[in-house]
Amino acid sequence: AIDGFFILALPVGLTTFVSELISKWHVRQRPFVSMHNVHAVIQHAADGGFPSHHAEFMAAIATGVYLRNRQAGNGLMWLTVICGIARVAAGIHYPTDVIFGITLGVVITVATNRVLMRLLRM
């Protein structure tokens, strides 16, 4: 149970916290708000969309799983990419929102796991 906390909950929580801070600092309107020729396929609030919280959350989980089980992690990362493409196609995010979200999730999860592994070895 503690291992699961370190693998997923801590990195996902940290990633989500950082993502929320970034979205408060850098507010960018969603495509369906700022571009007249883009219409959201699904209803969504007209709040800021950078970075994609869905992408960062899913990428953090996929990376945490990948660090323990590569096959399962790869499958989850593909689902993350598909979700990101769908959100861009739906007019909810720009590609850079999704790319940054995925990058944020991967980098924070890898860094968190490296730090934790060093601390646990001491």
PDB file of N, CA and C in Angstrom:
ATOM      1  N   ALA A   1       0.827  -1.198   0.000  1.00  0.00           N
ATOM      2  CA  ALA A   1       0.000   0.000   0.000  1.00  0.00           C
ATOM      3  C   ALA A   1       0.867   1.255   0.000  1.00  0.00           C
ATOM      4  N   ILE A   2       1.914   1.252   0.794  1.00  0.00           N
ATOM      5  CA  ILE A   2       2.807   2.413   0.828  1.00  0.00           C
ATOM      6  C   ILE A   2       3.507   2.555  -0.516  1.00  0.00           C
ATOM      7  N   ASP A   3       3.909   1.432  -1.106  1.00  0.00           N
ATOM      8  CA  ASP A   3       4.558   1.461  -2.416  1.00  0.00           C
ATOM      9  C   ASP A   3       3.638   2.091  -3.454  1.00  0.00           C
ATOM     10  N   GLY A   4       2.354   1.746  -3.414  1.00  0.00           N
ATOM     11  CA  GLY A   4       1.380   2.330  -4.334  1.00  0.00           C
ATOM     12  C   GLY A   4       1.259   3.827  -4.151  1.00  0.00           C
ATOM     13  N   PHE A   5       1.347   4.274  -2.917  1.00  0.00           N
ATOM     14  CA  PHE A   5       1.306   5.710  -2.650  1.00  0.00           C
ATOM     15  C   PHE A   5       2.482   6.410  -3.325  1.00  0.00           C
ATOM     16  N   PHE A   6       3.672   5.856  -3.171  1.00  0.00           N
ATOM     17  CA  PHE A   6       4.859   6.467  -3.753  1.00  0.00           C
ATOM     18  C   PHE A   6       4.866   6.373  -5.273  1.00  0.00           C
ATOM     19  N   ILE A   7       4.336   5.281  -5.813  1.00  0.00           N
ATOM     20  CA  ILE A   7       4.348   5.082  -7.261  1.00  0.00           C
ATOM     21  C   ILE A   7       3.352   6.001  -7.956  1.00  0.00           C
ATOM     22  N   LEU A   8       2.155   6.128  -7.408  1.00  0.00           N
ATOM     23  CA  LEU A   8       1.096   6.861  -8.100  1.00  0.00           C
ATOM     24  C   LEU A   8       0.584   8.096  -7.369  1.00  0.00           C
ATOM     25  N   ALA A   9       0.137   7.938  -6.158  1.00  0.00           N
ATOM     26  CA  ALA A   9      -0.558   9.035  -5.487  1.00  0.00           C
ATOM     27  C   ALA A   9       0.313  10.273  -5.308  1.00  0.00           C
ATOM     28  N   LEU A  10       1.513  10.107  -4.834  1.00  0.00           N
ATOM     29  CA  LEU A  10       2.384  11.258  -4.606  1.00  0.00           C
ATOM     30  C   LEU A  10       2.741  11.965  -5.915  1.00  0.00           C
ATOM     31  N   PRO A  11       3.246  11.257  -6.947  1.00  0.00           N
ATOM     32  CA  PRO A  11       3.559  11.947  -8.203  1.00  0.00           C
ATOM     33  C   PRO A  11       2.328  12.561  -8.877  1.00  0.00           C
ATOM     34  N   VAL A  12       1.205  11.857  -8.853  1.00  0.00           N
ATOM     35  CA  VAL A  12      -0.014  12.387  -9.478  1.00  0.00           C
ATOM     36  C   VAL A  12      -0.486  13.628  -8.723  1.00  0.00           C
ATOM     37  N   GLY A  13      -0.462  13.571  -7.410  1.00  0.00           N
ATOM     38  CA  GLY A  13      -0.851  14.732  -6.617  1.00  0.00           C
ATOM     39  C   GLY A  13       0.061  15.925  -6.846  1.00  0.00           C
ATOM     40  N   LEU A  14       1.357  15.677  -6.889  1.00  0.00           N
ATOM     41  CA  LEU A  14       2.325  16.748  -7.129  1.00  0.00           C
ATOM     42  C   LEU A  14       2.144  17.326  -8.529  1.00  0.00           C
ATOM     43  N   THR A  15       1.964  16.470  -9.517  1.00  0.00           N
ATOM     44  CA  THR A  15       1.757  16.922 -10.895  1.00  0.00           C
ATOM     45  C   THR A  15       0.497  17.769 -10.996  1.00  0.00           C
ATOM     46  N   THR A  16      -0.565  17.330 -10.375  1.00  0.00           N
ATOM     47  CA  THR A  16      -1.826  18.072 -10.413  1.00  0.00           C
ATOM     48  C   THR A  16      -1.667  19.433  -9.741  1.00  0.00           C
ATOM     49  N   PHE A  17      -0.969  19.463  -8.628  1.00  0.00           N
ATOM     50  CA  PHE A  17      -0.721  20.727  -7.925  1.00  0.00           C
ATOM     51  C   PHE A  17       0.054  21.700  -8.812  1.00  0.00           C
ATOM     52  N   VAL A  18       1.129  21.226  -9.432  1.00  0.00           N
ATOM     53  CA  VAL A  18       1.947  22.080 -10.299  1.00  0.00           C
ATOM     54  C   VAL A  18       1.128  22.548 -11.499  1.00  0.00           C
ATOM     55  N   SER A  19       0.349  21.652 -12.084  1.00  0.00           N
ATOM     56  CA  SER A  19      -0.491  21.994 -13.230  1.00  0.00           C
ATOM     57  C   SER A  19      -1.503  23.081 -12.867  1.00  0.00           C
ATOM     58  N   GLU A  20      -2.102  22.967 -11.702  1.00  0.00           N
ATOM     59  CA  GLU A  20      -3.060  23.982 -11.255  1.00  0.00           C
ATOM     60  C   GLU A  20      -2.368  25.334 -11.058  1.00  0.00           C
ATOM     61  N   LEU A  21      -1.170  25.333 -10.491  1.00  0.00           N
ATOM     62  CA  LEU A  21      -0.426  26.581 -10.324  1.00  0.00           C
ATOM     63  C   LEU A  21      -0.129  27.223 -11.676  1.00  0.00           C
ATOM     64  N   ILE A  22       0.305  26.414 -12.631  1.00  0.00           N
ATOM     65  CA  ILE A  22       0.615  26.935 -13.962  1.00  0.00           C
ATOM     66  C   ILE A  22      -0.631  27.528 -14.600  1.00  0.00           C
ATOM     67  N   SER A  23      -1.768  26.834 -14.470  1.00  0.00           N
ATOM     68  CA  SER A  23      -2.992  27.327 -15.104  1.00  0.00           C
ATOM     69  C   SER A  23      -3.488  28.628 -14.475  1.00  0.00           C
ATOM     70  N   LYS A  24      -3.162  28.866 -13.211  1.00  0.00           N
ATOM     71  CA  LYS A  24      -3.523  30.138 -12.568  1.00  0.00           C
ATOM     72  C   LYS A  24      -2.591  31.261 -13.024  1.00  0.00           C
ATOM     73  N   TRP A  25      -1.345  30.922 -13.266  1.00  0.00           N
ATOM     74  CA  TRP A  25      -0.339  31.899 -13.664  1.00  0.00           C
ATOM     75  C   TRP A  25      -0.436  32.229 -15.154  1.00  0.00           C
ATOM     76  N   HIS A  26      -0.670  31.223 -15.981  1.00  0.00           N
ATOM     77  CA  HIS A  26      -0.714  31.399 -17.433  1.00  0.00           C
ATOM     78  C   HIS A  26      -2.104  31.006 -17.940  1.00  0.00           C
ATOM     79  N   VAL A  27      -2.983  31.991 -18.041  1.00  0.00           N
ATOM     80  CA  VAL A  27      -4.355  31.726 -18.472  1.00  0.00           C
ATOM     81  C   VAL A  27      -4.428  31.907 -19.990  1.00  0.00           C
ATOM     82  N   ARG A  28      -4.803  30.828 -20.657  1.00  0.00           N
ATOM     83  CA  ARG A  28      -4.986  30.895 -22.113  1.00  0.00           C
ATOM     84  C   ARG A  28      -6.377  30.364 -22.426  1.00  0.00           C
ATOM     85  N   GLN A  29      -7.132  31.167 -23.145  1.00  0.00           N
ATOM     86  CA  GLN A  29      -8.484  30.751 -23.500  1.00  0.00           C
ATOM     87  C   GLN A  29      -8.452  29.493 -24.363  1.00  0.00           C
ATOM     88  N   ARG A  30      -9.487  28.718 -24.212  1.00  0.00           N
ATOM     89  CA  ARG A  30      -9.620  27.493 -25.001  1.00  0.00           C
ATOM     90  C   ARG A  30      -9.931  27.845 -26.451  1.00  0.00           C
ATOM     91  N   PRO A  31      -9.627  26.919 -27.370  1.00  0.00           N
ATOM     92  CA  PRO A  31      -9.856  27.207 -28.802  1.00  0.00           C
ATOM     93  C   PRO A  31     -11.298  27.598 -29.129  1.00  0.00           C
ATOM     94  N   PHE A  32     -12.272  26.945 -28.516  1.00  0.00           N
ATOM     95  CA  PHE A  32     -13.655  27.265 -28.842  1.00  0.00           C
ATOM     96  C   PHE A  32     -14.072  28.642 -28.333  1.00  0.00           C
ATOM     97  N   VAL A  33     -13.281  29.223 -27.435  1.00  0.00           N
ATOM     98  CA  VAL A  33     -13.563  30.559 -26.921  1.00  0.00           C
ATOM     99  C   VAL A  33     -12.863  31.613 -27.775  1.00  0.00           C
ATOM    100  N   SER A  34     -11.608  31.353 -28.108  1.00  0.00           N
ATOM    101  CA  SER A  34     -10.807  32.383 -28.776  1.00  0.00           C
ATOM    102  C   SER A  34     -10.867  32.350 -30.303  1.00  0.00           C
ATOM    103  N   MET A  35     -11.336  31.253 -30.879  1.00  0.00           N
ATOM    104  CA  MET A  35     -11.378  31.144 -32.345  1.00  0.00           C
ATOM    105  C   MET A  35     -12.833  30.956 -32.795  1.00  0.00           C
ATOM    106  N   HIS A  36     -13.323  31.872 -33.606  1.00  0.00           N
ATOM    107  CA  HIS A  36     -14.725  31.835 -34.015  1.00  0.00           C
ATOM    108  C   HIS A  36     -15.078  30.631 -34.885  1.00  0.00           C
ATOM    109  N   ASN A  37     -14.094  30.054 -35.564  1.00  0.00           N
ATOM    110  CA  ASN A  37     -14.366  28.915 -36.449  1.00  0.00           C
ATOM    111  C   ASN A  37     -14.256  27.568 -35.736  1.00  0.00           C
ATOM    112  N   VAL A  38     -13.965  27.585 -34.431  1.00  0.00           N
ATOM    113  CA  VAL A  38     -13.860  26.345 -33.660  1.00  0.00           C
ATOM    114  C   VAL A  38     -15.058  26.260 -32.722  1.00  0.00           C
ATOM    115  N   HIS A  39     -15.734  25.135 -32.770  1.00  0.00           N
ATOM    116  CA  HIS A  39     -16.889  24.902 -31.906  1.00  0.00           C
ATOM    117  C   HIS A  39     -16.621  23.650 -31.082  1.00  0.00           C
ATOM    118  N   ALA A  40     -16.830  23.759 -29.788  1.00  0.00           N
ATOM    119  CA  ALA A  40     -16.619  22.611 -28.907  1.00  0.00           C
ATOM    120  C   ALA A  40     -17.637  21.522 -29.240  1.00  0.00           C
ATOM    121  N   VAL A  41     -17.150  20.316 -29.369  1.00  0.00           N
ATOM    122  CA  VAL A  41     -18.020  19.179 -29.676  1.00  0.00           C
ATOM    123  C   VAL A  41     -18.819  18.771 -28.440  1.00  0.00           C
ATOM    124  N   ILE A  42     -18.221  18.943 -27.272  1.00  0.00           N
ATOM    125  CA  ILE A  42     -18.909  18.657 -26.012  1.00  0.00           C
ATOM    126  C   ILE A  42     -18.937  19.940 -25.190  1.00  0.00           C
ATOM    127  N   GLN A  43     -19.876  20.054 -24.301  1.00  0.00           N
ATOM    128  CA  GLN A  43     -19.953  21.242 -23.468  1.00  0.00           C
ATOM    129  C   GLN A  43     -18.793  21.269 -22.481  1.00  0.00           C
ATOM    130  N   HIS A  44     -18.218  22.438 -22.362  1.00  0.00           N
ATOM    131  CA  HIS A  44     -17.100  22.606 -21.437  1.00  0.00           C
ATOM    132  C   HIS A  44     -17.095  24.044 -20.962  1.00  0.00           C
ATOM    133  N   ALA A  45     -16.640  24.254 -19.741  1.00  0.00           N
ATOM    134  CA  ALA A  45     -16.516  25.612 -19.210  1.00  0.00           C
ATOM    135  C   ALA A  45     -15.522  26.397 -20.054  1.00  0.00           C
ATOM    136  N   ALA A  46     -15.727  27.677 -20.123  1.00  0.00           N
ATOM    137  CA  ALA A  46     -14.851  28.540 -20.911  1.00  0.00           C
ATOM    138  C   ALA A  46     -13.670  29.035 -20.078  1.00  0.00           C
ATOM    139  N   ASP A  47     -13.161  28.176 -19.198  1.00  0.00           N
ATOM    140  CA  ASP A  47     -12.012  28.526 -18.374  1.00  0.00           C
ATOM    141  C   ASP A  47     -10.722  28.292 -19.155  1.00  0.00           C
ATOM    142  N   GLY A  48      -9.591  28.549 -18.528  1.00  0.00           N
ATOM    143  CA  GLY A  48      -8.303  28.344 -19.184  1.00  0.00           C
ATOM    144  C   GLY A  48      -8.019  26.869 -19.424  1.00  0.00           C
ATOM    145  N   GLY A  49      -7.297  26.587 -20.504  1.00  0.00           N
ATOM    146  CA  GLY A  49      -7.040  25.201 -20.864  1.00  0.00           C
ATOM    147  C   GLY A  49      -5.582  24.797 -20.860  1.00  0.00           C
ATOM    148  N   PHE A  50      -4.696  25.667 -20.361  1.00  0.00           N
ATOM    149  CA  PHE A  50      -3.273  25.341 -20.375  1.00  0.00           C
ATOM    150  C   PHE A  50      -2.772  25.174 -18.952  1.00  0.00           C
ATOM    151  N   PRO A  51      -2.101  24.069 -18.697  1.00  0.00           N
ATOM    152  CA  PRO A  51      -1.948  22.864 -19.517  1.00  0.00           C
ATOM    153  C   PRO A  51      -3.183  21.970 -19.385  1.00  0.00           C
ATOM    154  N   SER A  52      -3.244  20.969 -20.208  1.00  0.00           N
ATOM    155  CA  SER A  52      -4.357  20.028 -20.134  1.00  0.00           C
ATOM    156  C   SER A  52      -4.239  19.204 -18.857  1.00  0.00           C
ATOM    157  N   HIS A  53      -5.211  19.372 -17.972  1.00  0.00           N
ATOM    158  CA  HIS A  53      -5.189  18.615 -16.718  1.00  0.00           C
ATOM    159  C   HIS A  53      -5.451  17.130 -16.967  1.00  0.00           C
ATOM    160  N   HIS A  54      -6.285  16.834 -17.962  1.00  0.00           N
ATOM    161  CA  HIS A  54      -6.511  15.425 -18.304  1.00  0.00           C
ATOM    162  C   HIS A  54      -5.193  14.774 -18.732  1.00  0.00           C
ATOM    163  N   ALA A  55      -4.445  15.475 -19.596  1.00  0.00           N
ATOM    164  CA  ALA A  55      -3.201  14.914 -20.117  1.00  0.00           C
ATOM    165  C   ALA A  55      -2.159  14.738 -19.025  1.00  0.00           C
ATOM    166  N   GLU A  56      -2.003  15.723 -18.164  1.00  0.00           N
ATOM    167  CA  GLU A  56      -0.981  15.604 -17.114  1.00  0.00           C
ATOM    168  C   GLU A  56      -1.346  14.513 -16.122  1.00  0.00           C
ATOM    169  N   PHE A  57      -2.621  14.417 -15.779  1.00  0.00           N
ATOM    170  CA  PHE A  57      -3.077  13.406 -14.835  1.00  0.00           C
ATOM    171  C   PHE A  57      -2.874  12.002 -15.400  1.00  0.00           C
ATOM    172  N   MET A  58      -3.325  11.802 -16.639  1.00  0.00           N
ATOM    173  CA  MET A  58      -3.196  10.483 -17.267  1.00  0.00           C
ATOM    174  C   MET A  58      -1.730  10.112 -17.503  1.00  0.00           C
ATOM    175  N   ALA A  59      -0.906  11.093 -17.916  1.00  0.00           N
ATOM    176  CA  ALA A  59       0.508  10.816 -18.163  1.00  0.00           C
ATOM    177  C   ALA A  59       1.241  10.468 -16.874  1.00  0.00           C
ATOM    178  N   ALA A  60       0.882  11.121 -15.779  1.00  0.00           N
ATOM    179  CA  ALA A  60       1.507  10.801 -14.493  1.00  0.00           C
ATOM    180  C   ALA A  60       1.179   9.368 -14.086  1.00  0.00           C
ATOM    181  N   ILE A  61      -0.078   8.971 -14.242  1.00  0.00           N
ATOM    182  CA  ILE A  61      -0.457   7.593 -13.917  1.00  0.00           C
ATOM    183  C   ILE A  61       0.250   6.609 -14.843  1.00  0.00           C
ATOM    184  N   ALA A  62       0.228   6.884 -16.146  1.00  0.00           N
ATOM    185  CA  ALA A  62       0.870   5.987 -17.115  1.00  0.00           C
ATOM    186  C   ALA A  62       2.358   5.843 -16.828  1.00  0.00           C
ATOM    187  N   THR A  63       3.019   6.922 -16.484  1.00  0.00           N
ATOM    188  CA  THR A  63       4.453   6.877 -16.202  1.00  0.00           C
ATOM    189  C   THR A  63       4.736   6.106 -14.921  1.00  0.00           C
ATOM    190  N   GLY A  64       3.927   6.340 -13.890  1.00  0.00           N
ATOM    191  CA  GLY A  64       4.095   5.591 -12.642  1.00  0.00           C
ATOM    192  C   GLY A  64       3.938   4.100 -12.859  1.00  0.00           C
ATOM    193  N   VAL A  65       2.960   3.722 -13.656  1.00  0.00           N
ATOM    194  CA  VAL A  65       2.764   2.304 -13.969  1.00  0.00           C
ATOM    195  C   VAL A  65       3.918   1.793 -14.822  1.00  0.00           C
ATOM    196  N   TYR A  66       4.339   2.581 -15.816  1.00  0.00           N
ATOM    197  CA  TYR A  66       5.442   2.190 -16.703  1.00  0.00           C
ATOM    198  C   TYR A  66       6.722   1.884 -15.924  1.00  0.00           C
ATOM    199  N   LEU A  67       6.985   2.647 -14.888  1.00  0.00           N
ATOM    200  CA  LEU A  67       8.195   2.433 -14.093  1.00  0.00           C
ATOM    201  C   LEU A  67       8.202   1.085 -13.381  1.00  0.00           C
ATOM    202  N   ARG A  68       7.028   0.463 -13.258  1.00  0.00           N
ATOM    203  CA  ARG A  68       6.930  -0.848 -12.627  1.00  0.00           C
ATOM    204  C   ARG A  68       6.550  -1.963 -13.600  1.00  0.00           C
ATOM    205  N   ASN A  69       5.831  -1.593 -14.675  1.00  0.00           N
ATOM    206  CA  ASN A  69       5.366  -2.578 -15.655  1.00  0.00           C
ATOM    207  C   ASN A  69       5.298  -1.893 -17.021  1.00  0.00           C
ATOM    208  N   ARG A  70       6.328  -2.109 -17.832  1.00  0.00           N
ATOM    209  CA  ARG A  70       6.450  -1.384 -19.094  1.00  0.00           C
ATOM    210  C   ARG A  70       5.288  -1.622 -20.056  1.00  0.00           C
ATOM    211  N   GLN A  71       4.833  -2.846 -20.151  1.00  0.00           N
ATOM    212  CA  GLN A  71       3.753  -3.153 -21.082  1.00  0.00           C
ATOM    213  C   GLN A  71       2.459  -2.414 -20.683  1.00  0.00           C
ATOM    214  N   ALA A  72       2.094  -2.494 -19.433  1.00  0.00           N
ATOM    215  CA  ALA A  72       0.890  -1.802 -18.966  1.00  0.00           C
ATOM    216  C   ALA A  72       1.051  -0.285 -19.083  1.00  0.00           C
ATOM    217  N   GLY A  73       2.234   0.217 -18.735  1.00  0.00           N
ATOM    218  CA  GLY A  73       2.501   1.654 -18.836  1.00  0.00           C
ATOM    219  C   GLY A  73       2.421   2.154 -20.263  1.00  0.00           C
ATOM    220  N   ASN A  74       2.963   1.364 -21.209  1.00  0.00           N
ATOM    221  CA  ASN A  74       2.867   1.745 -22.629  1.00  0.00           C
ATOM    222  C   ASN A  74       1.413   1.821 -23.073  1.00  0.00           C
ATOM    223  N   GLY A  75       0.619   0.841 -22.664  1.00  0.00           N
ATOM    224  CA  GLY A  75      -0.798   0.850 -23.012  1.00  0.00           C
ATOM    225  C   GLY A  75      -1.504   2.080 -22.466  1.00  0.00           C
ATOM    226  N   LEU A  76      -1.208   2.426 -21.227  1.00  0.00           N
ATOM    227  CA  LEU A  76      -1.823   3.608 -20.625  1.00  0.00           C
ATOM    228  C   LEU A  76      -1.344   4.895 -21.294  1.00  0.00           C
ATOM    229  N   MET A  77      -0.087   4.927 -21.711  1.00  0.00           N
ATOM    230  CA  MET A  77       0.407   6.134 -22.388  1.00  0.00           C
ATOM    231  C   MET A  77      -0.274   6.309 -23.741  1.00  0.00           C
ATOM    232  N   TRP A  78      -0.518   5.205 -24.444  1.00  0.00           N
ATOM    233  CA  TRP A  78      -1.257   5.300 -25.714  1.00  0.00           C
ATOM    234  C   TRP A  78      -2.657   5.846 -25.467  1.00  0.00           C
ATOM    235  N   LEU A  79      -3.301   5.401 -24.406  1.00  0.00           N
ATOM    236  CA  LEU A  79      -4.622   5.931 -24.066  1.00  0.00           C
ATOM    237  C   LEU A  79      -4.550   7.426 -23.732  1.00  0.00           C
ATOM    238  N   THR A  80      -3.471   7.836 -23.099  1.00  0.00           N
ATOM    239  CA  THR A  80      -3.261   9.251 -22.795  1.00  0.00           C
ATOM    240  C   THR A  80      -3.164  10.068 -24.072  1.00  0.00           C
ATOM    241  N   VAL A  81      -2.387   9.564 -25.027  1.00  0.00           N
ATOM    242  CA  VAL A  81      -2.223  10.264 -26.310  1.00  0.00           C
ATOM    243  C   VAL A  81      -3.555  10.328 -27.053  1.00  0.00           C
ATOM    244  N   ILE A  82      -4.281   9.234 -27.071  1.00  0.00           N
ATOM    245  CA  ILE A  82      -5.588   9.205 -27.749  1.00  0.00           C
ATOM    246  C   ILE A  82      -6.553  10.200 -27.101  1.00  0.00           C
ATOM    247  N   CYS A  83      -6.559  10.249 -25.787  1.00  0.00           N
ATOM    248  CA  CYS A  83      -7.411  11.207 -25.078  1.00  0.00           C
ATOM    249  C   CYS A  83      -7.019  12.639 -25.446  1.00  0.00           C
ATOM    250  N   GLY A  84      -5.726  12.911 -25.501  1.00  0.00           N
ATOM    251  CA  GLY A  84      -5.249  14.245 -25.861  1.00  0.00           C
ATOM    252  C   GLY A  84      -5.664  14.634 -27.267  1.00  0.00           C
ATOM    253  N   ILE A  85      -5.528  13.709 -28.206  1.00  0.00           N
ATOM    254  CA  ILE A  85      -5.946  13.973 -29.585  1.00  0.00           C
ATOM    255  C   ILE A  85      -7.444  14.248 -29.633  1.00  0.00           C
ATOM    256  N   ALA A  86      -8.214  13.486 -28.879  1.00  0.00           N
ATOM    257  CA  ALA A  86      -9.662  13.670 -28.850  1.00  0.00           C
ATOM    258  C   ALA A  86     -10.031  15.046 -28.291  1.00  0.00           C
ATOM    259  N   ARG A  87      -9.322  15.497 -27.284  1.00  0.00           N
ATOM    260  CA  ARG A  87      -9.634  16.798 -26.691  1.00  0.00           C
ATOM    261  C   ARG A  87      -9.264  17.944 -27.630  1.00  0.00           C
ATOM    262  N   VAL A  88      -8.201  17.757 -28.413  1.00  0.00           N
ATOM    263  CA  VAL A  88      -7.865  18.756 -29.430  1.00  0.00           C
ATOM    264  C   VAL A  88      -8.931  18.738 -30.527  1.00  0.00           C
ATOM    265  N   ALA A  89      -9.307  17.550 -30.994  1.00  0.00           N
ATOM    266  CA  ALA A  89     -10.319  17.428 -32.045  1.00  0.00           C
ATOM    267  C   ALA A  89     -11.669  17.978 -31.589  1.00  0.00           C
ATOM    268  N   ALA A  90     -11.944  17.903 -30.299  1.00  0.00           N
ATOM    269  CA  ALA A  90     -13.211  18.409 -29.759  1.00  0.00           C
ATOM    270  C   ALA A  90     -13.214  19.928 -29.592  1.00  0.00           C
ATOM    271  N   GLY A  91     -12.081  20.573 -29.843  1.00  0.00           N
ATOM    272  CA  GLY A  91     -12.000  22.025 -29.728  1.00  0.00           C
ATOM    273  C   GLY A  91     -11.806  22.524 -28.320  1.00  0.00           C
ATOM    274  N   ILE A  92     -11.433  21.627 -27.416  1.00  0.00           N
ATOM    275  CA  ILE A  92     -11.285  21.993 -26.003  1.00  0.00           C
ATOM    276  C   ILE A  92      -9.857  22.418 -25.665  1.00  0.00           C
ATOM    277  N   HIS A  93      -8.880  21.875 -26.403  1.00  0.00           N
ATOM    278  CA  HIS A  93      -7.474  22.196 -26.147  1.00  0.00           C
ATOM    279  C   HIS A  93      -6.735  22.459 -27.451  1.00  0.00           C
ATOM    280  N   TYR A  94      -5.664  23.226 -27.316  1.00  0.00           N
ATOM    281  CA  TYR A  94      -4.680  23.348 -28.386  1.00  0.00           C
ATOM    282  C   TYR A  94      -3.719  22.171 -28.241  1.00  0.00           C
ATOM    283  N   PRO A  95      -3.049  21.765 -29.316  1.00  0.00           N
ATOM    284  CA  PRO A  95      -2.067  20.673 -29.197  1.00  0.00           C
ATOM    285  C   PRO A  95      -1.009  20.944 -28.135  1.00  0.00           C
ATOM    286  N   THR A  96      -0.573  22.191 -28.010  1.00  0.00           N
ATOM    287  CA  THR A  96       0.459  22.506 -27.022  1.00  0.00           C
ATOM    288  C   THR A  96      -0.035  22.329 -25.590  1.00  0.00           C
ATOM    289  N   ASP A  97      -1.333  22.507 -25.349  1.00  0.00           N
ATOM    290  CA  ASP A  97      -1.894  22.253 -24.012  1.00  0.00           C
ATOM    291  C   ASP A  97      -1.682  20.795 -23.631  1.00  0.00           C
ATOM    292  N   VAL A  98      -1.946  19.912 -24.586  1.00  0.00           N
ATOM    293  CA  VAL A  98      -1.849  18.468 -24.360  1.00  0.00           C
ATOM    294  C   VAL A  98      -0.382  18.046 -24.262  1.00  0.00           C
ATOM    295  N   ILE A  99       0.445  18.530 -25.173  1.00  0.00           N
ATOM    296  CA  ILE A  99       1.870  18.161 -25.170  1.00  0.00           C
ATOM    297  C   ILE A  99       2.527  18.600 -23.868  1.00  0.00           C
ATOM    298  N   PHE A 100       2.246  19.816 -23.440  1.00  0.00           N
ATOM    299  CA  PHE A 100       2.830  20.298 -22.187  1.00  0.00           C
ATOM    300  C   PHE A 100       2.302  19.494 -21.010  1.00  0.00           C
ATOM    301  N   GLY A 101       1.005  19.178 -21.016  1.00  0.00           N
ATOM    302  CA  GLY A 101       0.428  18.381 -19.930  1.00  0.00           C
ATOM    303  C   GLY A 101       1.077  17.011 -19.828  1.00  0.00           C
ATOM    304  N   ILE A 102       1.247  16.342 -20.967  1.00  0.00           N
ATOM    305  CA  ILE A 102       1.903  15.023 -20.964  1.00  0.00           C
ATOM    306  C   ILE A 102       3.336  15.139 -20.472  1.00  0.00           C
ATOM    307  N   THR A 103       4.052  16.121 -20.979  1.00  0.00           N
ATOM    308  CA  THR A 103       5.447  16.321 -20.570  1.00  0.00           C
ATOM    309  C   THR A 103       5.536  16.579 -19.069  1.00  0.00           C
ATOM    310  N   LEU A 104       4.652  17.413 -18.559  1.00  0.00           N
ATOM    311  CA  LEU A 104       4.633  17.715 -17.128  1.00  0.00           C
ATOM    312  C   LEU A 104       4.403  16.451 -16.308  1.00  0.00           C
ATOM    313  N   GLY A 105       3.440  15.642 -16.713  1.00  0.00           N
ATOM    314  CA  GLY A 105       3.138  14.406 -15.994  1.00  0.00           C
ATOM    315  C   GLY A 105       4.300  13.433 -15.982  1.00  0.00           C
ATOM    316  N   VAL A 106       4.958  13.291 -17.129  1.00  0.00           N
ATOM    317  CA  VAL A 106       6.092  12.364 -17.235  1.00  0.00           C
ATOM    318  C   VAL A 106       7.271  12.865 -16.407  1.00  0.00           C
ATOM    319  N   VAL A 107       7.646  14.117 -16.594  1.00  0.00           N
ATOM    320  CA  VAL A 107       8.836  14.661 -15.923  1.00  0.00           C
ATOM    321  C   VAL A 107       8.674  14.646 -14.403  1.00  0.00           C
ATOM    322  N   ILE A 108       7.556  15.100 -13.901  1.00  0.00           N
ATOM    323  CA  ILE A 108       7.369  15.137 -12.445  1.00  0.00           C
ATOM    324  C   ILE A 108       7.317  13.726 -11.861  1.00  0.00           C
ATOM    325  N   THR A 109       6.673  12.799 -12.561  1.00  0.00           N
ATOM    326  CA  THR A 109       6.591  11.433 -12.042  1.00  0.00           C
ATOM    327  C   THR A 109       7.959  10.761 -12.033  1.00  0.00           C
ATOM    328  N   VAL A 110       8.730  10.913 -13.098  1.00  0.00           N
ATOM    329  CA  VAL A 110      10.072  10.322 -13.137  1.00  0.00           C
ATOM    330  C   VAL A 110      10.951  10.948 -12.060  1.00  0.00           C
ATOM    331  N   ALA A 111      10.922  12.273 -11.949  1.00  0.00           N
ATOM    332  CA  ALA A 111      11.752  12.954 -10.947  1.00  0.00           C
ATOM    333  C   ALA A 111      11.347  12.547  -9.532  1.00  0.00           C
ATOM    334  N   THR A 112      10.060  12.502  -9.274  1.00  0.00           N
ATOM    335  CA  THR A 112       9.577  12.110  -7.941  1.00  0.00           C
ATOM    336  C   THR A 112      10.027  10.697  -7.603  1.00  0.00           C
ATOM    337  N   ASN A 113       9.890   9.787  -8.564  1.00  0.00           N
ATOM    338  CA  ASN A 113      10.292   8.399  -8.312  1.00  0.00           C
ATOM    339  C   ASN A 113      11.799   8.281  -8.093  1.00  0.00           C
ATOM    340  N   ARG A 114      12.595   9.034  -8.831  1.00  0.00           N
ATOM    341  CA  ARG A 114      14.052   8.993  -8.630  1.00  0.00           C
ATOM    342  C   ARG A 114      14.433   9.485  -7.245  1.00  0.00           C
ATOM    343  N   VAL A 115      13.826  10.593  -6.831  1.00  0.00           N
ATOM    344  CA  VAL A 115      14.117  11.133  -5.498  1.00  0.00           C
ATOM    345  C   VAL A 115      13.698  10.135  -4.427  1.00  0.00           C
ATOM    346  N   LEU A 116      12.510   9.566  -4.579  1.00  0.00           N
ATOM    347  CA  LEU A 116      12.022   8.611  -3.587  1.00  0.00           C
ATOM    348  C   LEU A 116      12.886   7.370  -3.529  1.00  0.00           C
ATOM    349  N   MET A 117      13.336   6.880  -4.673  1.00  0.00           N
ATOM    350  CA  MET A 117      14.198   5.687  -4.679  1.00  0.00           C
ATOM    351  C   MET A 117      15.504   5.978  -3.956  1.00  0.00           C
ATOM    352  N   ARG A 118      16.062   7.171  -4.142  1.00  0.00           N
ATOM    353  CA  ARG A 118      17.301   7.517  -3.436  1.00  0.00           C
ATOM    354  C   ARG A 118      17.061   7.635  -1.936  1.00  0.00           C
ATOM    355  N   LEU A 119      15.949   8.233  -1.556  1.00  0.00           N
ATOM    356  CA  LEU A 119      15.644   8.389  -0.137  1.00  0.00           C
ATOM    357  C   LEU A 119      15.400   7.031   0.530  1.00  0.00           C
ATOM    358  N   LEU A 120      14.724   6.150  -0.167  1.00  0.00           N
ATOM    359  CA  LEU A 120      14.412   4.836   0.413  1.00  0.00           C
ATOM    360  C   LEU A 120      15.646   3.948   0.507  1.00  0.00           C
ATOM    361  N   ARG A 121      16.656   4.192  -0.292  1.00  0.00           N
ATOM    362  CA  ARG A 121      17.892   3.413  -0.233  1.00  0.00           C
ATOM    363  C   ARG A 121      18.796   3.863   0.906  1.00  0.00           C
ATOM    364  N   MET A 122      18.582   5.034   1.432  1.00  0.00           N
ATOM    365  CA  MET A 122      19.448   5.564   2.501  1.00  0.00           C
ATOM    366  C   MET A 122      19.186   4.879   3.813  1.00  0.00           C
TER     367      MET A 122
END
